[in-house]
Protein backbone atom coordinates (compact mmCIF):
# COMPACT_ATOMS: atom_id res chain seq x y z
CA MET A 1 11.80 -47.84 -15.55
CA SER A 2 11.09 -48.02 -19.50
CA SER A 3 8.69 -50.75 -19.15
CA LEU A 4 6.72 -48.78 -16.78
CA TRP A 5 6.82 -45.46 -18.87
CA TYR A 6 4.95 -47.47 -21.91
CA ALA A 7 2.46 -49.48 -19.36
CA LEU A 8 0.87 -46.14 -18.53
CA PRO A 9 -1.75 -44.59 -20.21
CA MET A 10 -1.42 -41.60 -22.52
CA ASP A 11 -2.78 -39.01 -20.23
CA SER A 12 -0.47 -40.24 -17.34
CA GLN A 13 2.80 -40.08 -19.83
CA TRP A 14 1.84 -36.13 -20.40
CA VAL A 15 1.41 -35.81 -16.65
CA LEU A 16 4.91 -37.42 -16.06
CA ALA A 17 6.53 -35.54 -18.86
CA HIS A 18 5.20 -32.57 -17.35
CA LEU A 19 6.33 -33.41 -14.00
CA ALA A 20 9.51 -33.87 -15.30
CA TYR A 21 9.82 -30.53 -17.10
CA SER A 22 8.13 -28.82 -14.02
CA ALA A 23 10.67 -29.88 -11.70
CA ILE A 24 13.69 -29.05 -14.06
CA LEU A 25 12.19 -25.61 -14.81
CA LEU A 26 11.92 -25.09 -10.94
CA VAL A 27 15.42 -26.28 -10.26
CA LEU A 28 16.43 -23.69 -13.27
CA GLY A 29 14.12 -20.98 -11.93
CA VAL A 30 15.54 -21.37 -8.52
CA LEU A 31 19.07 -21.18 -9.57
CA LEU A 32 18.35 -18.35 -11.73
CA SER A 33 16.08 -16.32 -9.22
CA ARG A 34 19.09 -17.14 -6.83
CA PHE A 35 21.66 -15.77 -9.26
CA LEU A 36 19.45 -12.52 -10.78
CA HIS A 37 18.15 -11.78 -6.65
CA GLY A 38 22.13 -12.08 -5.97
CA VAL A 39 22.92 -9.39 -8.80
CA PHE A 40 19.94 -7.24 -7.92
CA GLY A 41 21.26 -7.44 -4.18
CA LYS A 42 25.05 -6.14 -5.47
CA LEU A 43 23.23 -3.56 -7.57
CA LEU A 44 21.30 -2.16 -4.99
CA THR A 45 24.00 -2.27 -2.34
CA LEU A 46 26.20 -0.14 -4.83
CA MET A 47 23.36 1.92 -5.24
CA GLU A 48 23.32 2.24 -1.16
CA ARG A 49 26.56 3.83 -1.07
CA ARG A 50 26.72 5.87 -3.87
CA ARG A 51 23.53 7.69 -3.47
CA ARG A 52 23.03 7.61 0.10
CA VAL A 53 19.65 5.21 0.09
CA SER A 54 18.11 4.18 3.67
CA ARG A 55 19.11 0.75 4.48
CA ALA A 56 14.95 0.00 4.90
CA TYR A 57 14.61 1.18 1.47
CA VAL A 58 17.30 -1.25 -0.34
CA ALA A 59 15.92 -3.63 2.07
CA ILE A 60 12.33 -3.14 0.78
CA LEU A 61 13.45 -3.34 -2.81
CA ARG A 62 15.30 -6.68 -2.24
CA ARG A 63 12.13 -8.03 -1.07
CA VAL A 64 9.90 -6.94 -3.84
CA THR A 65 12.57 -8.31 -6.01
CA GLY A 66 12.72 -11.37 -4.85
CA TRP A 67 8.82 -11.42 -4.51
CA PHE A 68 8.77 -10.89 -8.77
CA LEU A 69 11.17 -13.00 -9.28
CA TRP A 70 9.14 -15.81 -7.62
CA LEU A 71 6.05 -14.80 -9.03
CA LEU A 72 7.43 -15.05 -12.48
CA LEU A 73 8.81 -18.33 -12.30
CA GLY A 74 5.14 -19.44 -10.48
CA VAL A 75 3.70 -17.79 -13.58
CA ILE A 76 6.18 -19.71 -16.32
CA LEU A 77 5.09 -22.79 -14.47
CA LEU A 78 1.63 -22.40 -14.98
CA ARG A 79 1.81 -21.61 -18.11
CA LEU A 80 3.78 -24.74 -18.75
CA TRP A 81 0.73 -26.82 -17.15
CA GLY A 82 -1.68 -25.38 -19.85
CA LEU A 83 -3.49 -22.83 -17.32
CA ASP A 84 -4.57 -19.58 -18.81
CA VAL A 85 -2.62 -17.06 -16.72
CA SER A 86 -4.28 -13.97 -18.29
CA ALA A 87 -7.65 -14.96 -15.79
CA ILE A 88 -5.08 -15.30 -12.89
CA TRP A 89 -3.34 -12.02 -13.89
CA THR A 90 -6.46 -9.79 -14.30
CA THR A 91 -8.24 -11.46 -10.87
CA PHE A 92 -4.96 -10.76 -9.15
CA VAL A 93 -4.60 -7.06 -10.34
CA SER A 94 -8.31 -6.43 -9.41
CA MET A 95 -7.83 -8.03 -6.15
CA LEU A 96 -4.76 -5.36 -5.56
CA ALA A 97 -6.79 -2.33 -6.80
CA VAL A 98 -9.59 -3.44 -4.54
CA ILE A 99 -7.29 -3.64 -1.38
CA GLY A 100 -5.79 -0.18 -2.45
CA VAL A 101 -8.70 1.45 -2.25
CA GLY A 102 -10.12 -0.19 0.76
CA LEU A 103 -6.76 0.85 2.50
CA LEU A 104 -7.19 4.18 1.51
CA ALA A 105 -10.67 4.90 2.48
CA VAL A 106 -9.78 3.54 6.06
CA TRP A 107 -6.79 5.33 6.44
CA THR A 108 -8.61 8.41 5.88
CA MET A 109 -11.54 7.80 8.07
CA ILE A 110 -8.99 6.36 10.76
CA SER A 111 -6.44 9.41 10.72
CA ASN A 112 -9.28 11.83 11.02
CA VAL A 113 -10.91 9.51 14.05
CA THR A 114 -7.80 9.69 15.69
CA ALA A 115 -7.33 13.52 14.69
CA ARG A 116 -10.78 14.21 16.52
CA PHE A 117 -9.33 12.34 19.96
CA PHE A 118 -5.99 14.18 19.90
CA ILE A 119 -8.03 17.63 19.38
CA TRP A 120 -10.05 16.65 22.15
CA PHE A 121 -7.31 15.79 24.36
CA TRP A 122 -4.73 18.53 23.76
CA ARG A 123 -7.21 21.31 22.76
CA PRO A 124 -6.10 23.32 20.08
CA LEU A 125 -9.00 24.64 19.07
CA GLN A 126 -12.51 24.61 20.50
CA MET A 127 -16.32 25.54 19.86
CA GLY A 128 -16.87 28.85 19.55
CA GLN A 129 -13.18 29.95 18.78
CA ARG A 130 -11.92 31.55 15.77
CA VAL A 131 -9.20 29.79 13.57
CA GLU A 132 -7.59 30.44 10.56
CA ILE A 133 -5.64 27.84 8.64
CA PHE A 134 -2.59 28.70 6.60
CA PRO A 135 -1.74 28.84 3.66
CA GLU A 136 -5.37 28.08 2.53
CA GLY A 137 -6.31 31.25 4.45
CA LEU A 138 -9.68 29.55 5.55
CA CYS A 139 -11.03 30.93 8.87
CA GLY A 140 -14.10 31.32 10.81
CA GLU A 141 -15.62 29.99 14.31
CA VAL A 142 -15.85 26.52 15.06
CA VAL A 143 -19.45 25.76 15.23
CA GLU A 144 -19.64 22.14 15.28
CA GLU A 145 -17.25 19.26 15.71
CA ASN A 146 -17.48 15.18 14.81
CA LEU A 147 -15.43 12.03 14.71
CA MET A 148 -14.52 13.06 10.90
CA PHE A 149 -14.96 17.16 10.26
CA THR A 150 -14.76 20.06 12.20
CA GLU A 151 -16.96 23.18 10.99
CA LEU A 152 -16.14 26.70 10.50
CA ARG A 153 -18.79 29.29 10.35
CA GLN A 154 -17.09 32.42 8.22
CA GLU A 155 -17.95 35.93 8.42
CA ASP A 156 -20.39 35.89 5.65
CA GLY A 157 -22.27 33.08 7.09
CA ARG A 158 -21.05 30.07 5.27
CA VAL A 159 -19.91 26.92 6.63
CA VAL A 160 -16.88 25.43 5.84
CA VAL A 161 -16.61 21.54 6.80
CA ILE A 162 -12.58 20.58 7.41
CA PRO A 163 -11.34 17.24 8.17
CA ASN A 164 -10.07 16.82 11.31
CA ASN A 165 -6.54 15.51 10.22
CA LEU A 166 -5.97 18.87 8.21
CA PHE A 167 -5.51 20.48 11.91
CA PHE A 168 -2.45 18.65 12.04
CA GLN A 169 -0.98 19.12 8.59
CA ARG A 170 -1.50 22.69 8.69
CA VAL A 171 -0.29 26.12 10.62
CA VAL A 172 -3.40 27.22 12.53
CA ARG A 173 -3.82 30.41 14.14
CA ARG A 174 -6.59 30.73 16.62
CA GLU A 175 -7.97 33.81 18.86
CA ALA A 176 -8.02 33.59 22.72
CA LEU A 177 -11.61 32.46 23.76
CA GLU A 178 -13.31 35.04 25.28
CA ASP A 179 -14.84 34.09 28.96
CA LYS A 180 -18.56 34.21 28.97
CA ALA A 181 -18.98 33.70 32.65
């Protein structure tokens, strides 16, 4: 083995040394990660008993703790190999931010479209009907409906544009529709 070690070029020796360090660090990291995950697990179980925290919340915290420990081990290994982890970290955080903003926008749109279908199906309000939304005190006649918004014309003639999902988050008082026939 020692003759093989000296026969390799210097770059190969560096690679082998780093592979050995990485393997040792990986084994130690796995052992430490399991130990810390067990300690955090016991702390979370204790918190669950004393604070009456839901089991789902504790399960999520355990998963996040495990992911964090593995991510930390990965960053340490990358750093050992001489990679600049600041660029990786910046990219990761930027991607999370973009995904978060995208999910928020999509969630808002989907909730309004879904609310529109529920309004159409259950008919809690209809065109021409006078409604009032509490606690905001918005009131007016329904003059327009689309997939995202419902428009109310107030007594002074101004039009208020209300997201459809608001009708499922607030108390709505409506007046009976008058028969026009």
